[in-house]
N, C-alpha and C. Protein backbone atom coordinates (compact mmCIF):
# COMPACT_ATOMS: atom_id res chain seq x y z
N MET A 1 -19.86 4.84 42.13
CA MET A 1 -18.58 5.48 41.86
C MET A 1 -17.65 4.50 41.16
N LYS A 2 -17.01 4.96 40.09
CA LYS A 2 -16.12 4.10 39.32
C LYS A 2 -14.79 3.92 40.04
N LYS A 3 -14.21 2.76 39.83
CA LYS A 3 -12.89 2.49 40.40
C LYS A 3 -11.84 3.30 39.65
N PRO A 4 -10.78 3.73 40.37
CA PRO A 4 -9.71 4.50 39.70
C PRO A 4 -9.08 3.75 38.54
N GLN A 5 -8.96 2.42 38.62
CA GLN A 5 -8.35 1.66 37.53
C GLN A 5 -9.20 1.74 36.27
N SER A 6 -10.51 1.66 36.41
CA SER A 6 -11.41 1.75 35.26
C SER A 6 -11.31 3.12 34.61
N LEU A 7 -11.26 4.16 35.43
CA LEU A 7 -11.14 5.52 34.91
C LEU A 7 -9.81 5.71 34.19
N LEU A 8 -8.73 5.19 34.77
CA LEU A 8 -7.42 5.29 34.12
C LEU A 8 -7.40 4.55 32.79
N ARG A 9 -8.03 3.40 32.75
CA ARG A 9 -8.10 2.62 31.50
C ARG A 9 -8.84 3.41 30.43
N GLN A 10 -9.96 4.03 30.80
CA GLN A 10 -10.73 4.82 29.85
C GLN A 10 -9.93 6.02 29.35
N LEU A 11 -9.23 6.69 30.26
CA LEU A 11 -8.40 7.82 29.87
C LEU A 11 -7.27 7.38 28.94
N GLY A 12 -6.71 6.21 29.21
CA GLY A 12 -5.66 5.68 28.34
C GLY A 12 -6.16 5.42 26.93
N VAL A 13 -7.36 4.87 26.82
CA VAL A 13 -7.95 4.61 25.50
C VAL A 13 -8.20 5.92 24.77
N VAL A 14 -8.76 6.90 25.47
CA VAL A 14 -9.01 8.21 24.85
C VAL A 14 -7.70 8.85 24.39
N ALA A 15 -6.66 8.77 25.23
CA ALA A 15 -5.36 9.33 24.85
C ALA A 15 -4.80 8.64 23.61
N LEU A 16 -4.92 7.32 23.55
CA LEU A 16 -4.44 6.58 22.38
C LEU A 16 -5.18 7.00 21.12
N ILE A 17 -6.48 7.15 21.21
CA ILE A 17 -7.27 7.58 20.04
C ILE A 17 -6.83 8.96 19.59
N ILE A 18 -6.60 9.87 20.54
CA ILE A 18 -6.17 11.22 20.18
C ILE A 18 -4.80 11.19 19.50
N VAL A 19 -3.87 10.42 20.03
CA VAL A 19 -2.54 10.32 19.44
C VAL A 19 -2.62 9.75 18.03
N LEU A 20 -3.41 8.69 17.86
CA LEU A 20 -3.52 8.08 16.53
C LEU A 20 -4.18 9.03 15.54
N TYR A 21 -5.17 9.78 15.99
CA TYR A 21 -5.88 10.68 15.08
C TYR A 21 -5.05 11.91 14.72
N PHE A 22 -4.54 12.59 15.74
CA PHE A 22 -3.83 13.84 15.48
C PHE A 22 -2.36 13.66 15.16
N GLY A 23 -1.78 12.55 15.53
CA GLY A 23 -0.37 12.34 15.30
C GLY A 23 -0.08 11.56 14.04
N ASN A 24 -1.06 11.41 13.19
CA ASN A 24 -0.91 10.57 12.02
C ASN A 24 -0.30 11.35 10.86
N ASP A 25 1.04 11.45 10.85
CA ASP A 25 1.74 12.21 9.80
C ASP A 25 1.62 11.55 8.44
N TYR A 26 1.40 10.25 8.41
CA TYR A 26 1.34 9.55 7.13
C TYR A 26 0.09 9.92 6.34
N LEU A 27 -1.06 9.92 7.00
CA LEU A 27 -2.31 10.10 6.27
C LEU A 27 -2.79 11.54 6.24
N ARG A 28 -2.43 12.33 7.24
CA ARG A 28 -2.90 13.69 7.31
C ARG A 28 -2.28 14.50 6.18
N GLY A 29 -3.08 15.24 5.46
CA GLY A 29 -2.58 16.16 4.45
C GLY A 29 -2.21 15.51 3.14
N HIS A 30 -2.62 14.29 2.89
CA HIS A 30 -2.31 13.66 1.60
C HIS A 30 -3.03 14.41 0.50
N ASP A 31 -2.28 14.85 -0.47
CA ASP A 31 -2.86 15.60 -1.58
C ASP A 31 -2.50 14.89 -2.87
N PRO A 32 -3.43 14.04 -3.42
CA PRO A 32 -3.10 13.30 -4.63
C PRO A 32 -2.80 14.20 -5.82
N ALA A 33 -3.23 15.46 -5.78
CA ALA A 33 -2.94 16.37 -6.88
C ALA A 33 -1.67 17.17 -6.62
N GLY A 34 -0.99 16.88 -5.52
CA GLY A 34 0.22 17.61 -5.15
C GLY A 34 1.35 17.37 -6.13
N PRO A 35 2.43 18.13 -5.99
CA PRO A 35 3.51 18.08 -6.97
C PRO A 35 4.20 16.73 -7.04
N SER A 36 4.26 15.98 -5.94
CA SER A 36 5.02 14.74 -5.99
C SER A 36 4.15 13.53 -6.22
N GLU A 37 2.81 13.66 -6.08
CA GLU A 37 1.89 12.53 -6.18
C GLU A 37 2.18 11.47 -5.14
N ARG A 38 3.03 11.79 -4.14
CA ARG A 38 3.37 10.82 -3.11
C ARG A 38 3.14 11.44 -1.74
N GLY A 39 2.08 12.20 -1.59
CA GLY A 39 1.84 12.94 -0.36
C GLY A 39 1.65 12.07 0.86
N SER A 40 1.38 10.78 0.71
CA SER A 40 1.13 9.95 1.88
C SER A 40 2.42 9.49 2.54
N LEU A 41 3.56 9.73 1.94
CA LEU A 41 4.82 9.31 2.51
C LEU A 41 5.42 10.44 3.33
N PRO A 42 6.07 10.13 4.44
CA PRO A 42 6.75 11.19 5.19
C PRO A 42 7.89 11.76 4.36
N PRO A 43 8.28 13.02 4.61
CA PRO A 43 9.30 13.67 3.79
C PRO A 43 10.59 12.88 3.67
N ALA A 44 11.05 12.23 4.71
CA ALA A 44 12.31 11.48 4.64
C ALA A 44 12.22 10.35 3.64
N GLN A 45 11.06 9.71 3.54
CA GLN A 45 10.91 8.62 2.60
C GLN A 45 10.68 9.13 1.19
N GLN A 46 10.03 10.31 1.04
CA GLN A 46 9.85 10.86 -0.29
C GLN A 46 11.20 11.15 -0.93
N SER A 47 12.13 11.69 -0.17
CA SER A 47 13.42 12.04 -0.75
C SER A 47 14.24 10.79 -1.07
N ALA A 48 13.92 9.65 -0.43
CA ALA A 48 14.65 8.42 -0.70
C ALA A 48 14.14 7.72 -1.95
N ASP A 49 12.97 8.15 -2.45
CA ASP A 49 12.42 7.52 -3.64
C ASP A 49 13.28 7.82 -4.86
N ALA A 50 13.31 6.85 -5.74
CA ALA A 50 14.00 7.05 -7.01
C ALA A 50 13.16 7.96 -7.88
N PRO A 51 13.74 8.55 -8.93
CA PRO A 51 12.95 9.35 -9.86
C PRO A 51 11.94 8.48 -10.57
N ALA A 52 11.08 9.12 -11.34
CA ALA A 52 10.02 8.39 -12.04
C ALA A 52 10.58 7.18 -12.77
N SER A 53 9.84 6.09 -12.72
CA SER A 53 10.32 4.84 -13.28
C SER A 53 10.47 4.92 -14.79
N THR A 54 11.54 4.34 -15.28
CA THR A 54 11.75 4.26 -16.71
C THR A 54 11.54 2.83 -17.18
N GLY A 55 11.06 1.97 -16.28
CA GLY A 55 10.90 0.57 -16.60
C GLY A 55 12.12 -0.24 -16.20
N ALA A 56 13.21 0.44 -15.88
CA ALA A 56 14.42 -0.26 -15.46
C ALA A 56 14.25 -0.74 -14.03
N ASN A 57 14.94 -1.78 -13.68
CA ASN A 57 14.86 -2.36 -12.34
C ASN A 57 15.92 -1.71 -11.46
N THR A 58 15.73 -0.42 -11.16
CA THR A 58 16.69 0.30 -10.34
C THR A 58 16.13 0.44 -8.95
N GLY A 59 16.75 -0.20 -7.97
CA GLY A 59 16.27 -0.14 -6.60
C GLY A 59 16.64 1.18 -5.96
N SER A 60 16.02 1.46 -4.83
CA SER A 60 16.35 2.63 -4.04
C SER A 60 16.23 2.24 -2.58
N ALA A 61 16.63 3.14 -1.69
CA ALA A 61 16.49 2.86 -0.26
C ALA A 61 15.03 2.60 0.08
N ARG A 62 14.12 3.32 -0.55
CA ARG A 62 12.69 3.12 -0.31
C ARG A 62 12.27 1.74 -0.79
N ASP A 63 12.75 1.29 -1.93
CA ASP A 63 12.39 -0.01 -2.47
C ASP A 63 12.74 -1.13 -1.50
N VAL A 64 13.89 -1.03 -0.86
CA VAL A 64 14.41 -2.11 -0.05
C VAL A 64 13.83 -2.10 1.36
N ALA A 65 13.67 -0.93 1.97
CA ALA A 65 13.45 -0.87 3.40
C ALA A 65 12.02 -0.63 3.86
N ALA A 66 11.12 -0.20 3.02
CA ALA A 66 9.81 0.25 3.48
C ALA A 66 8.89 -0.90 3.86
N ASP A 67 8.09 -0.66 4.89
CA ASP A 67 7.03 -1.58 5.25
C ASP A 67 5.88 -0.74 5.79
N ASP A 68 4.90 -0.53 4.94
CA ASP A 68 3.75 0.30 5.29
C ASP A 68 2.56 -0.53 5.75
N THR A 69 2.81 -1.72 6.32
CA THR A 69 1.72 -2.57 6.79
C THR A 69 0.87 -1.84 7.82
N ALA A 70 1.50 -1.15 8.76
CA ALA A 70 0.74 -0.40 9.77
C ALA A 70 -0.06 0.73 9.12
N LEU A 71 0.53 1.39 8.13
CA LEU A 71 -0.18 2.45 7.40
C LEU A 71 -1.41 1.89 6.70
N ILE A 72 -1.29 0.72 6.10
CA ILE A 72 -2.44 0.09 5.45
C ILE A 72 -3.51 -0.23 6.49
N GLY A 73 -3.10 -0.72 7.65
CA GLY A 73 -4.05 -1.00 8.73
C GLY A 73 -4.80 0.26 9.15
N ARG A 74 -4.08 1.39 9.28
CA ARG A 74 -4.74 2.65 9.64
C ARG A 74 -5.66 3.13 8.53
N ALA A 75 -5.21 3.01 7.28
CA ALA A 75 -6.05 3.43 6.15
C ALA A 75 -7.33 2.61 6.11
N PHE A 76 -7.23 1.31 6.40
CA PHE A 76 -8.42 0.47 6.43
C PHE A 76 -9.36 0.91 7.56
N THR A 77 -8.80 1.08 8.76
CA THR A 77 -9.60 1.47 9.92
C THR A 77 -10.28 2.82 9.70
N GLU A 78 -9.56 3.75 9.08
CA GLU A 78 -10.08 5.10 8.87
C GLU A 78 -10.80 5.25 7.53
N GLN A 79 -10.95 4.16 6.79
CA GLN A 79 -11.63 4.14 5.48
C GLN A 79 -11.03 5.18 4.53
N ARG A 80 -9.68 5.20 4.46
CA ARG A 80 -8.96 6.14 3.62
C ARG A 80 -8.60 5.49 2.29
N SER A 81 -8.52 6.29 1.25
CA SER A 81 -8.11 5.84 -0.07
C SER A 81 -7.05 6.79 -0.61
N ASP A 82 -6.52 6.47 -1.77
CA ASP A 82 -5.50 7.29 -2.43
C ASP A 82 -4.24 7.40 -1.59
N VAL A 83 -3.85 6.30 -0.94
CA VAL A 83 -2.69 6.27 -0.07
C VAL A 83 -1.63 5.39 -0.72
N TRP A 84 -0.47 5.97 -1.06
CA TRP A 84 0.62 5.20 -1.65
C TRP A 84 1.32 4.42 -0.55
N VAL A 85 1.49 3.12 -0.79
CA VAL A 85 2.06 2.24 0.22
C VAL A 85 3.05 1.26 -0.41
N GLN A 86 3.89 0.72 0.44
CA GLN A 86 4.81 -0.34 0.06
C GLN A 86 4.84 -1.34 1.20
N ALA A 87 4.62 -2.61 0.88
CA ALA A 87 4.59 -3.65 1.91
C ALA A 87 4.80 -5.00 1.23
N SER A 88 4.59 -6.06 2.00
CA SER A 88 4.70 -7.40 1.44
C SER A 88 3.65 -8.28 2.09
N GLY A 89 3.39 -9.41 1.44
CA GLY A 89 2.42 -10.34 1.98
C GLY A 89 2.47 -11.67 1.26
N GLU A 90 1.68 -12.60 1.75
CA GLU A 90 1.61 -13.95 1.18
C GLU A 90 0.38 -14.09 0.30
N VAL A 91 0.58 -14.63 -0.90
CA VAL A 91 -0.54 -14.88 -1.80
C VAL A 91 -1.39 -15.99 -1.20
N ILE A 92 -2.67 -15.68 -0.97
CA ILE A 92 -3.56 -16.70 -0.41
C ILE A 92 -4.55 -17.22 -1.44
N ARG A 93 -4.69 -16.49 -2.56
CA ARG A 93 -5.60 -16.96 -3.61
C ARG A 93 -5.36 -16.17 -4.88
N THR A 94 -5.31 -16.86 -6.00
CA THR A 94 -5.28 -16.18 -7.29
C THR A 94 -6.70 -16.18 -7.84
N LEU A 95 -7.06 -15.11 -8.50
CA LEU A 95 -8.41 -14.93 -9.02
C LEU A 95 -8.37 -14.81 -10.53
N ALA A 96 -9.52 -14.93 -11.16
CA ALA A 96 -9.60 -14.73 -12.61
C ALA A 96 -9.24 -13.29 -12.95
N ASP A 97 -8.66 -13.10 -14.12
CA ASP A 97 -8.34 -11.75 -14.56
C ASP A 97 -9.61 -10.92 -14.70
N ASP A 98 -9.47 -9.63 -14.47
CA ASP A 98 -10.53 -8.67 -14.74
C ASP A 98 -10.27 -8.16 -16.15
N ASN A 99 -11.16 -8.47 -17.08
CA ASN A 99 -10.97 -8.09 -18.47
C ASN A 99 -11.84 -6.92 -18.91
N GLU A 100 -12.49 -6.25 -17.96
CA GLU A 100 -13.30 -5.07 -18.26
C GLU A 100 -12.35 -3.88 -18.39
N GLY A 101 -12.33 -3.22 -19.53
CA GLY A 101 -11.40 -2.09 -19.73
C GLY A 101 -9.97 -2.61 -19.78
N SER A 102 -9.08 -1.96 -19.05
CA SER A 102 -7.70 -2.45 -18.97
C SER A 102 -7.70 -3.78 -18.24
N ARG A 103 -6.90 -4.71 -18.74
CA ARG A 103 -6.87 -6.05 -18.12
C ARG A 103 -6.02 -6.02 -16.86
N HIS A 104 -6.53 -6.70 -15.81
CA HIS A 104 -5.83 -6.76 -14.54
C HIS A 104 -5.72 -8.19 -14.04
N GLN A 105 -4.51 -8.57 -13.66
CA GLN A 105 -4.29 -9.82 -12.95
C GLN A 105 -4.69 -9.56 -11.50
N ARG A 106 -5.50 -10.45 -10.93
CA ARG A 106 -6.00 -10.21 -9.58
C ARG A 106 -5.60 -11.36 -8.66
N PHE A 107 -5.20 -11.00 -7.45
CA PHE A 107 -4.90 -12.00 -6.44
C PHE A 107 -5.03 -11.40 -5.06
N LEU A 108 -5.30 -12.27 -4.09
CA LEU A 108 -5.45 -11.84 -2.70
C LEU A 108 -4.17 -12.15 -1.94
N ILE A 109 -3.78 -11.20 -1.08
CA ILE A 109 -2.63 -11.44 -0.21
C ILE A 109 -3.04 -11.15 1.23
N ARG A 110 -2.35 -11.80 2.14
CA ARG A 110 -2.53 -11.53 3.57
C ARG A 110 -1.28 -10.84 4.06
N LEU A 111 -1.48 -9.68 4.70
CA LEU A 111 -0.38 -8.94 5.28
C LEU A 111 -0.02 -9.52 6.64
N SER A 112 1.11 -9.13 7.17
CA SER A 112 1.56 -9.65 8.47
C SER A 112 0.62 -9.24 9.61
N ASN A 113 -0.18 -8.18 9.41
CA ASN A 113 -1.13 -7.76 10.45
C ASN A 113 -2.49 -8.46 10.31
N GLY A 114 -2.59 -9.41 9.37
CA GLY A 114 -3.81 -10.20 9.20
C GLY A 114 -4.80 -9.64 8.20
N ILE A 115 -4.59 -8.43 7.73
CA ILE A 115 -5.51 -7.84 6.74
C ILE A 115 -5.32 -8.53 5.40
N THR A 116 -6.43 -8.83 4.75
CA THR A 116 -6.41 -9.40 3.41
C THR A 116 -6.74 -8.30 2.42
N ILE A 117 -5.90 -8.15 1.39
CA ILE A 117 -6.15 -7.14 0.37
C ILE A 117 -6.09 -7.76 -1.02
N LEU A 118 -6.79 -7.12 -1.93
CA LEU A 118 -6.79 -7.51 -3.33
C LEU A 118 -5.72 -6.70 -4.05
N ILE A 119 -4.90 -7.37 -4.83
CA ILE A 119 -3.96 -6.68 -5.72
C ILE A 119 -4.55 -6.75 -7.12
N ALA A 120 -4.70 -5.59 -7.76
CA ALA A 120 -5.18 -5.51 -9.14
C ALA A 120 -4.02 -4.96 -9.97
N HIS A 121 -3.31 -5.87 -10.65
CA HIS A 121 -2.07 -5.56 -11.37
C HIS A 121 -2.37 -5.43 -12.86
N ASN A 122 -2.19 -4.24 -13.42
CA ASN A 122 -2.53 -3.96 -14.81
C ASN A 122 -1.57 -4.69 -15.75
N ILE A 123 -2.09 -5.72 -16.44
CA ILE A 123 -1.25 -6.51 -17.34
C ILE A 123 -1.26 -5.98 -18.78
N ASP A 124 -1.91 -4.84 -18.99
CA ASP A 124 -1.75 -4.14 -20.25
C ASP A 124 -0.52 -3.22 -20.20
N LEU A 125 -0.09 -2.88 -18.98
CA LEU A 125 1.05 -1.98 -18.79
C LEU A 125 2.27 -2.66 -18.19
N ALA A 126 2.09 -3.80 -17.56
CA ALA A 126 3.20 -4.50 -16.90
C ALA A 126 3.04 -6.00 -17.16
N PRO A 127 4.14 -6.74 -17.10
CA PRO A 127 4.05 -8.19 -17.36
C PRO A 127 3.22 -8.92 -16.30
N ARG A 128 2.60 -10.01 -16.73
CA ARG A 128 1.90 -10.92 -15.81
C ARG A 128 2.94 -11.54 -14.88
N ILE A 129 2.52 -11.81 -13.65
CA ILE A 129 3.41 -12.39 -12.64
C ILE A 129 3.05 -13.86 -12.47
N PRO A 130 4.01 -14.77 -12.57
CA PRO A 130 3.72 -16.19 -12.39
C PRO A 130 3.59 -16.53 -10.89
N LEU A 131 2.39 -16.41 -10.37
CA LEU A 131 2.14 -16.55 -8.94
C LEU A 131 1.50 -17.87 -8.58
N GLY A 132 1.70 -18.27 -7.34
CA GLY A 132 1.01 -19.43 -6.79
C GLY A 132 0.68 -19.17 -5.33
N ARG A 133 -0.25 -19.93 -4.82
CA ARG A 133 -0.63 -19.81 -3.42
C ARG A 133 0.59 -20.05 -2.54
N GLY A 134 0.77 -19.21 -1.53
CA GLY A 134 1.90 -19.32 -0.62
C GLY A 134 3.10 -18.50 -1.02
N ASP A 135 3.11 -17.96 -2.24
CA ASP A 135 4.22 -17.12 -2.68
C ASP A 135 4.23 -15.80 -1.90
N GLU A 136 5.43 -15.29 -1.66
CA GLU A 136 5.59 -13.98 -1.04
C GLU A 136 5.79 -12.95 -2.14
N VAL A 137 5.14 -11.80 -2.00
CA VAL A 137 5.33 -10.69 -2.92
C VAL A 137 5.54 -9.42 -2.12
N GLU A 138 6.34 -8.54 -2.68
CA GLU A 138 6.48 -7.19 -2.15
C GLU A 138 5.88 -6.28 -3.20
N PHE A 139 5.26 -5.19 -2.78
CA PHE A 139 4.59 -4.32 -3.74
C PHE A 139 4.68 -2.87 -3.32
N ARG A 140 4.52 -2.02 -4.32
CA ARG A 140 4.31 -0.59 -4.12
C ARG A 140 3.15 -0.21 -5.01
N GLY A 141 2.16 0.47 -4.45
CA GLY A 141 1.00 0.87 -5.21
C GLY A 141 0.11 1.79 -4.40
N GLU A 142 -1.06 2.06 -4.95
CA GLU A 142 -2.00 2.96 -4.30
C GLU A 142 -3.11 2.16 -3.64
N TYR A 143 -3.31 2.40 -2.35
CA TYR A 143 -4.33 1.70 -1.57
C TYR A 143 -5.67 2.42 -1.73
N GLU A 144 -6.71 1.62 -2.00
CA GLU A 144 -8.08 2.12 -2.05
C GLU A 144 -8.89 1.30 -1.06
N TRP A 145 -9.60 1.96 -0.17
CA TRP A 145 -10.36 1.29 0.87
C TRP A 145 -11.59 0.58 0.30
N ASN A 146 -11.90 -0.59 0.84
CA ASN A 146 -13.21 -1.21 0.73
C ASN A 146 -13.43 -2.02 1.99
N ASP A 147 -14.66 -2.48 2.21
CA ASP A 147 -14.99 -3.14 3.47
C ASP A 147 -14.40 -4.55 3.59
N LYS A 148 -13.77 -5.04 2.54
CA LYS A 148 -13.16 -6.37 2.58
C LYS A 148 -11.67 -6.32 2.90
N GLY A 149 -11.11 -5.15 3.02
CA GLY A 149 -9.69 -5.01 3.33
C GLY A 149 -9.00 -3.98 2.47
N GLY A 150 -9.48 -3.81 1.25
CA GLY A 150 -8.92 -2.80 0.37
C GLY A 150 -8.32 -3.40 -0.89
N VAL A 151 -7.97 -2.51 -1.81
CA VAL A 151 -7.39 -2.88 -3.10
C VAL A 151 -6.12 -2.08 -3.29
N ILE A 152 -5.10 -2.74 -3.81
CA ILE A 152 -3.87 -2.06 -4.22
C ILE A 152 -3.86 -2.06 -5.75
N HIS A 153 -3.75 -0.87 -6.33
CA HIS A 153 -3.61 -0.76 -7.78
C HIS A 153 -2.45 0.17 -8.07
N TRP A 154 -2.21 0.50 -9.31
CA TRP A 154 -1.05 1.28 -9.74
C TRP A 154 0.24 0.54 -9.38
N THR A 155 0.26 -0.77 -9.59
CA THR A 155 1.47 -1.57 -9.34
C THR A 155 2.27 -1.69 -10.64
N HIS A 156 2.34 -0.61 -11.38
CA HIS A 156 3.02 -0.58 -12.68
C HIS A 156 3.61 0.81 -12.89
N HIS A 157 4.42 0.94 -13.91
CA HIS A 157 4.98 2.24 -14.25
C HIS A 157 3.87 3.17 -14.74
N ASP A 158 4.12 4.45 -14.71
CA ASP A 158 3.19 5.44 -15.26
C ASP A 158 3.52 5.60 -16.74
N PRO A 159 2.63 5.18 -17.62
CA PRO A 159 2.95 5.27 -19.06
C PRO A 159 3.14 6.72 -19.53
N ARG A 160 2.63 7.68 -18.80
CA ARG A 160 2.80 9.09 -19.17
C ARG A 160 4.02 9.72 -18.49
N GLY A 161 4.64 8.98 -17.56
CA GLY A 161 5.82 9.48 -16.88
C GLY A 161 5.57 10.63 -15.92
N ARG A 162 4.35 10.79 -15.45
CA ARG A 162 4.01 11.91 -14.57
C ARG A 162 4.27 11.62 -13.10
N LYS A 163 4.22 10.35 -12.70
CA LYS A 163 4.48 10.01 -11.31
C LYS A 163 5.31 8.74 -11.26
N GLN A 164 5.79 8.44 -10.08
CA GLN A 164 6.71 7.32 -9.95
C GLN A 164 6.08 5.99 -10.33
N GLY A 165 4.83 5.79 -10.00
CA GLY A 165 4.20 4.51 -10.28
C GLY A 165 4.58 3.47 -9.24
N GLY A 166 4.20 2.23 -9.49
CA GLY A 166 4.46 1.18 -8.52
C GLY A 166 5.07 -0.04 -9.16
N TRP A 167 5.09 -1.16 -8.41
CA TRP A 167 5.72 -2.38 -8.88
C TRP A 167 5.34 -3.53 -7.95
N ILE A 168 5.62 -4.72 -8.40
CA ILE A 168 5.51 -5.92 -7.58
C ILE A 168 6.79 -6.71 -7.76
N THR A 169 7.37 -7.17 -6.65
CA THR A 169 8.55 -8.02 -6.70
C THR A 169 8.14 -9.43 -6.28
N HIS A 170 8.51 -10.39 -7.11
CA HIS A 170 8.21 -11.81 -6.85
C HIS A 170 9.45 -12.61 -7.23
N ARG A 171 9.97 -13.37 -6.28
CA ARG A 171 11.18 -14.17 -6.51
C ARG A 171 12.31 -13.33 -7.09
N GLN A 172 12.58 -12.21 -6.46
CA GLN A 172 13.66 -11.28 -6.80
C GLN A 172 13.51 -10.62 -8.18
N LYS A 173 12.37 -10.73 -8.82
CA LYS A 173 12.15 -10.07 -10.10
C LYS A 173 11.08 -9.00 -9.92
N LYS A 174 11.38 -7.79 -10.42
CA LYS A 174 10.46 -6.68 -10.28
C LYS A 174 9.61 -6.55 -11.54
N TYR A 175 8.29 -6.47 -11.33
CA TYR A 175 7.32 -6.32 -12.43
C TYR A 175 6.74 -4.91 -12.31
N GLU A 176 7.01 -4.11 -13.34
CA GLU A 176 6.52 -2.73 -13.30
C GLU A 176 6.10 -2.26 -14.67
């Protein structure tokens, strides 16, 4: 016969899993083809977003206040992709550019939750960022899952003006 404490612990774990799975308003119902292209954000944050980027450095409440580190952690755990996120992290390594097709500046960052992700920043559409190891960056982009932590891309304006696009901020300068 199991001890009551062991049974309570197991029930607690099951309850936590159910809450995380069914209560996940951020990831549930994300529709990348939806009208706003920002389906992964809760409605309050969608309305705080600025209109589609014009290349100008115009901040918004979403630009300043968001931290989707926990959302990235859930997307990684649940192997989710096509999730728009905004967070910050420390550059732990700069990598060689990816010159296949559109050119991308690549670097690894560590988030505050310990996850390491690759940033693939399109330098055909946005300026190169003068980065070094230990630098802090804030970013907005689209998370794509992989078994190494994931990739953030779309850290630039949308050249067709169809969606808001993303950006990277480094030393108070926004690259989009």
